[in-house]
């Protein structure tokens, strides 16, 4: 998702007086800006960079939903709303089958070593932001058997 599109959506939410949506989108923008400043490329926010941060935010919000007690239904609903808004901007992640196909196509020589650590090191650089790390790990483990 383009960073500029996210900013434009926040402005649209502000104009529509949709405060919850504006706050959720604002949280995404803040996270992207913070990490961009921390990593030293404040002025060059690429789509891949924004996608990586959005996925990280998505996981963080999911964790909040999972740890929120059932007695706090209002708070849980707020987290769920934020999750749904952030999920609109998240990139589509690869499925297990797609990951397996990429691994067999591009990393067949590394998979032949059956060294899970070396495979993960090579694969994560290629698939970071395109697939969930847990799913990649599961597929690599299956291929190493």
C-alpha atoms as a PDB file:
ATOM      1  CA  UNK A   1       0.000   0.000   0.000  1.00  0.00           C
ATOM      2  CA  UNK A   2       1.326   3.397  -0.875  1.00  0.00           C
ATOM      3  CA  UNK A   3       2.098   5.600   2.097  1.00  0.00           C
ATOM      4  CA  UNK A   4       0.551   8.572   0.290  1.00  0.00           C
ATOM      5  CA  UNK A   5      -2.734   6.661  -0.133  1.00  0.00           C
ATOM      6  CA  UNK A   6      -2.840   5.989   3.599  1.00  0.00           C
ATOM      7  CA  UNK A   7      -2.335   9.687   4.309  1.00  0.00           C
ATOM      8  CA  UNK A   8      -5.087  10.600   1.840  1.00  0.00           C
ATOM      9  CA  UNK A   9      -7.456   8.125   3.516  1.00  0.00           C
ATOM     10  CA  UNK A  10      -6.726   9.721   6.890  1.00  0.00           C
ATOM     11  CA  UNK A  11      -7.573  13.158   5.463  1.00  0.00           C
ATOM     12  CA  UNK A  12     -10.801  11.737   4.007  1.00  0.00           C
ATOM     13  CA  UNK A  13     -11.710  10.273   7.410  1.00  0.00           C
ATOM     14  CA  UNK A  14     -11.026  13.645   9.031  1.00  0.00           C
ATOM     15  CA  UNK A  15     -13.285  15.408   6.524  1.00  0.00           C
ATOM     16  CA  UNK A  16     -16.007  12.802   7.100  1.00  0.00           C
ATOM     17  CA  UNK A  17     -15.693  13.326  10.884  1.00  0.00           C
ATOM     18  CA  UNK A  18     -15.068   9.588  11.296  1.00  0.00           C
ATOM     19  CA  UNK A  19     -12.952   9.835  14.435  1.00  0.00           C
ATOM     20  CA  UNK A  20     -12.415   6.087  15.127  1.00  0.00           C
ATOM     21  CA  UNK A  21     -11.256   5.432  11.559  1.00  0.00           C
ATOM     22  CA  UNK A  22      -9.072   8.541  11.572  1.00  0.00           C
ATOM     23  CA  UNK A  23      -7.412   7.422  14.811  1.00  0.00           C
ATOM     24  CA  UNK A  24      -6.773   3.916  13.469  1.00  0.00           C
ATOM     25  CA  UNK A  25      -5.218   5.246  10.252  1.00  0.00           C
ATOM     26  CA  UNK A  26      -3.273   7.842  12.228  1.00  0.00           C
ATOM     27  CA  UNK A  27      -1.795   4.998  14.300  1.00  0.00           C
ATOM     28  CA  UNK A  28      -0.517   3.353  11.115  1.00  0.00           C
ATOM     29  CA  UNK A  29       1.063   6.591   9.916  1.00  0.00           C
ATOM     30  CA  UNK A  30       2.689   7.224  13.304  1.00  0.00           C
ATOM     31  CA  UNK A  31       4.182   3.723  13.367  1.00  0.00           C
ATOM     32  CA  UNK A  32       5.545   4.085   9.829  1.00  0.00           C
ATOM     33  CA  UNK A  33       7.056   7.490  10.575  1.00  0.00           C
ATOM     34  CA  UNK A  34       8.606   6.326  13.855  1.00  0.00           C
ATOM     35  CA  UNK A  35      10.331   3.314  12.316  1.00  0.00           C
ATOM     36  CA  UNK A  36      11.415   5.368   9.284  1.00  0.00           C
ATOM     37  CA  UNK A  37      13.084   7.890  11.579  1.00  0.00           C
ATOM     38  CA  UNK A  38      14.636   5.139  13.712  1.00  0.00           C
ATOM     39  CA  UNK A  39      16.051   3.387  10.637  1.00  0.00           C
ATOM     40  CA  UNK A  40      17.300   6.615   9.090  1.00  0.00           C
ATOM     41  CA  UNK A  41      15.214   6.948   5.930  1.00  0.00           C
ATOM     42  CA  UNK A  42      12.605   9.451   6.946  1.00  0.00           C
ATOM     43  CA  UNK A  43      12.157  10.934   3.474  1.00  0.00           C
ATOM     44  CA  UNK A  44      12.229   7.659   1.509  1.00  0.00           C
ATOM     45  CA  UNK A  45       9.272   5.583   2.684  1.00  0.00           C
ATOM     46  CA  UNK A  46       8.880   2.793   0.138  1.00  0.00           C
ATOM     47  CA  UNK A  47       5.800   0.623  -0.314  1.00  0.00           C
ATOM     48  CA  UNK A  48       7.706  -2.447   0.951  1.00  0.00           C
ATOM     49  CA  UNK A  49       8.765  -0.550   4.062  1.00  0.00           C
ATOM     50  CA  UNK A  50       5.192   0.602   4.743  1.00  0.00           C
ATOM     51  CA  UNK A  51       3.889  -2.943   4.186  1.00  0.00           C
ATOM     52  CA  UNK A  52       6.388  -4.348   6.669  1.00  0.00           C
ATOM     53  CA  UNK A  53       5.322  -1.866   9.359  1.00  0.00           C
ATOM     54  CA  UNK A  54       1.623  -2.420   8.644  1.00  0.00           C
ATOM     55  CA  UNK A  55       2.078  -6.169   9.123  1.00  0.00           C
ATOM     56  CA  UNK A  56       3.892  -5.519  12.387  1.00  0.00           C
ATOM     57  CA  UNK A  57       1.037  -3.265  13.564  1.00  0.00           C
ATOM     58  CA  UNK A  58      -1.476  -5.919  12.541  1.00  0.00           C
ATOM     59  CA  UNK A  59       0.284  -8.525  14.686  1.00  0.00           C
ATOM     60  CA  UNK A  60       0.435  -6.096  17.604  1.00  0.00           C
ATOM     61  CA  UNK A  61      -3.295  -5.371  17.421  1.00  0.00           C
ATOM     62  CA  UNK A  62      -4.075  -9.094  17.103  1.00  0.00           C
ATOM     63  CA  UNK A  63      -2.063  -9.676  20.264  1.00  0.00           C
ATOM     64  CA  UNK A  64      -4.099  -6.974  22.025  1.00  0.00           C
ATOM     65  CA  UNK A  65      -7.319  -8.672  20.930  1.00  0.00           C
ATOM     66  CA  UNK A  66      -6.086 -12.068  22.106  1.00  0.00           C
ATOM     67  CA  UNK A  67      -4.987 -10.827  25.544  1.00  0.00           C
ATOM     68  CA  UNK A  68      -8.000  -8.601  26.203  1.00  0.00           C
ATOM     69  CA  UNK A  69     -10.281 -10.166  28.831  1.00  0.00           C
ATOM     70  CA  UNK A  70     -13.818 -11.042  27.748  1.00  0.00           C
ATOM     71  CA  UNK A  71     -15.200  -8.808  30.480  1.00  0.00           C
ATOM     72  CA  UNK A  72     -13.866  -5.783  28.550  1.00  0.00           C
ATOM     73  CA  UNK A  73     -16.138  -6.191  25.532  1.00  0.00           C
ATOM     74  CA  UNK A  74     -16.057  -2.473  24.662  1.00  0.00           C
ATOM     75  CA  UNK A  75     -12.252  -2.402  24.574  1.00  0.00           C
ATOM     76  CA  UNK A  76     -12.138  -5.638  22.601  1.00  0.00           C
ATOM     77  CA  UNK A  77     -14.570  -4.166  20.049  1.00  0.00           C
ATOM     78  CA  UNK A  78     -12.321  -1.101  19.712  1.00  0.00           C
ATOM     79  CA  UNK A  79      -9.284  -3.308  19.098  1.00  0.00           C
ATOM     80  CA  UNK A  80     -11.252  -5.337  16.553  1.00  0.00           C
ATOM     81  CA  UNK A  81     -12.257  -2.155  14.712  1.00  0.00           C
ATOM     82  CA  UNK A  82      -8.619  -1.024  14.604  1.00  0.00           C
ATOM     83  CA  UNK A  83      -7.596  -4.474  13.360  1.00  0.00           C
ATOM     84  CA  UNK A  84     -10.179  -4.327  10.557  1.00  0.00           C
ATOM     85  CA  UNK A  85      -9.027  -0.858   9.459  1.00  0.00           C
ATOM     86  CA  UNK A  86      -5.324  -1.779   9.515  1.00  0.00           C
ATOM     87  CA  UNK A  87      -6.098  -5.032   7.699  1.00  0.00           C
ATOM     88  CA  UNK A  88      -7.488  -2.983   4.773  1.00  0.00           C
ATOM     89  CA  UNK A  89      -3.966  -1.638   4.180  1.00  0.00           C
ATOM     90  CA  UNK A  90      -2.061  -4.861   4.839  1.00  0.00           C
ATOM     91  CA  UNK A  91      -0.544  -6.658   1.849  1.00  0.00           C
ATOM     92  CA  UNK A  92      -1.942 -10.052   0.912  1.00  0.00           C
ATOM     93  CA  UNK A  93       0.297 -12.735   2.378  1.00  0.00           C
ATOM     94  CA  UNK A  94       1.379 -15.830   0.508  1.00  0.00           C
ATOM     95  CA  UNK A  95      -0.276 -19.172   1.272  1.00  0.00           C
ATOM     96  CA  UNK A  96       1.604 -22.335   2.261  1.00  0.00           C
ATOM     97  CA  UNK A  97       1.368 -23.669  -1.297  1.00  0.00           C
ATOM     98  CA  UNK A  98       2.732 -20.438  -2.783  1.00  0.00           C
ATOM     99  CA  UNK A  99       5.605 -20.453  -0.279  1.00  0.00           C
ATOM    100  CA  UNK A 100       6.379 -24.089  -1.060  1.00  0.00           C
ATOM    101  CA  UNK A 101       6.438 -23.306  -4.793  1.00  0.00           C
ATOM    102  CA  UNK A 102       8.850 -20.379  -4.314  1.00  0.00           C
ATOM    103  CA  UNK A 103      11.110 -22.464  -2.071  1.00  0.00           C
ATOM    104  CA  UNK A 104      11.244 -25.357  -4.522  1.00  0.00           C
ATOM    105  CA  UNK A 105      11.852 -23.024  -7.453  1.00  0.00           C
ATOM    106  CA  UNK A 106      14.407 -20.546  -6.085  1.00  0.00           C
ATOM    107  CA  UNK A 107      15.959 -22.294  -3.104  1.00  0.00           C
ATOM    108  CA  UNK A 108      16.190 -25.953  -4.154  1.00  0.00           C
ATOM    109  CA  UNK A 109      19.979 -26.007  -3.678  1.00  0.00           C
ATOM    110  CA  UNK A 110      19.734 -24.593  -0.133  1.00  0.00           C
ATOM    111  CA  UNK A 111      16.864 -26.940   0.788  1.00  0.00           C
ATOM    112  CA  UNK A 112      19.019 -29.875  -0.307  1.00  0.00           C
ATOM    113  CA  UNK A 113      21.361 -29.121   2.625  1.00  0.00           C
ATOM    114  CA  UNK A 114      18.498 -29.806   5.092  1.00  0.00           C
ATOM    115  CA  UNK A 115      19.975 -27.099   7.358  1.00  0.00           C
ATOM    116  CA  UNK A 116      16.891 -25.262   8.619  1.00  0.00           C
ATOM    117  CA  UNK A 117      18.851 -22.282   9.953  1.00  0.00           C
ATOM    118  CA  UNK A 118      20.646 -21.664   6.676  1.00  0.00           C
ATOM    119  CA  UNK A 119      17.425 -22.128   4.695  1.00  0.00           C
ATOM    120  CA  UNK A 120      15.523 -19.643   6.886  1.00  0.00           C
ATOM    121  CA  UNK A 121      18.360 -17.121   6.622  1.00  0.00           C
ATOM    122  CA  UNK A 122      18.253 -17.230   2.819  1.00  0.00           C
ATOM    123  CA  UNK A 123      14.483 -17.416   2.484  1.00  0.00           C
ATOM    124  CA  UNK A 124      13.498 -14.661   4.928  1.00  0.00           C
ATOM    125  CA  UNK A 125      15.344 -12.023   2.943  1.00  0.00           C
ATOM    126  CA  UNK A 126      13.321 -12.923  -0.133  1.00  0.00           C
ATOM    127  CA  UNK A 127       9.910 -13.422   1.506  1.00  0.00           C
ATOM    128  CA  UNK A 128       9.943 -10.806   4.279  1.00  0.00           C
ATOM    129  CA  UNK A 129       6.722  -8.829   4.093  1.00  0.00           C
ATOM    130  CA  UNK A 130       5.243 -11.244   1.578  1.00  0.00           C
ATOM    131  CA  UNK A 131       4.553 -14.161   3.909  1.00  0.00           C
ATOM    132  CA  UNK A 132       4.147 -14.808   7.620  1.00  0.00           C
ATOM    133  CA  UNK A 133       7.360 -16.011   9.265  1.00  0.00           C
ATOM    134  CA  UNK A 134       5.554 -18.769  11.173  1.00  0.00           C
ATOM    135  CA  UNK A 135       4.101 -20.183   7.964  1.00  0.00           C
ATOM    136  CA  UNK A 136       7.501 -20.016   6.248  1.00  0.00           C
ATOM    137  CA  UNK A 137       9.086 -21.833   9.189  1.00  0.00           C
ATOM    138  CA  UNK A 138       6.407 -24.532   9.078  1.00  0.00           C
ATOM    139  CA  UNK A 139       6.928 -25.104   5.333  1.00  0.00           C
ATOM    140  CA  UNK A 140      10.721 -25.178   5.709  1.00  0.00           C
ATOM    141  CA  UNK A 141      10.401 -27.704   8.536  1.00  0.00           C
ATOM    142  CA  UNK A 142       8.219 -29.936   6.337  1.00  0.00           C
ATOM    143  CA  UNK A 143      10.721 -29.710   3.486  1.00  0.00           C
ATOM    144  CA  UNK A 144      13.619 -30.617   5.770  1.00  0.00           C
ATOM    145  CA  UNK A 145      12.039 -33.939   6.785  1.00  0.00           C
END
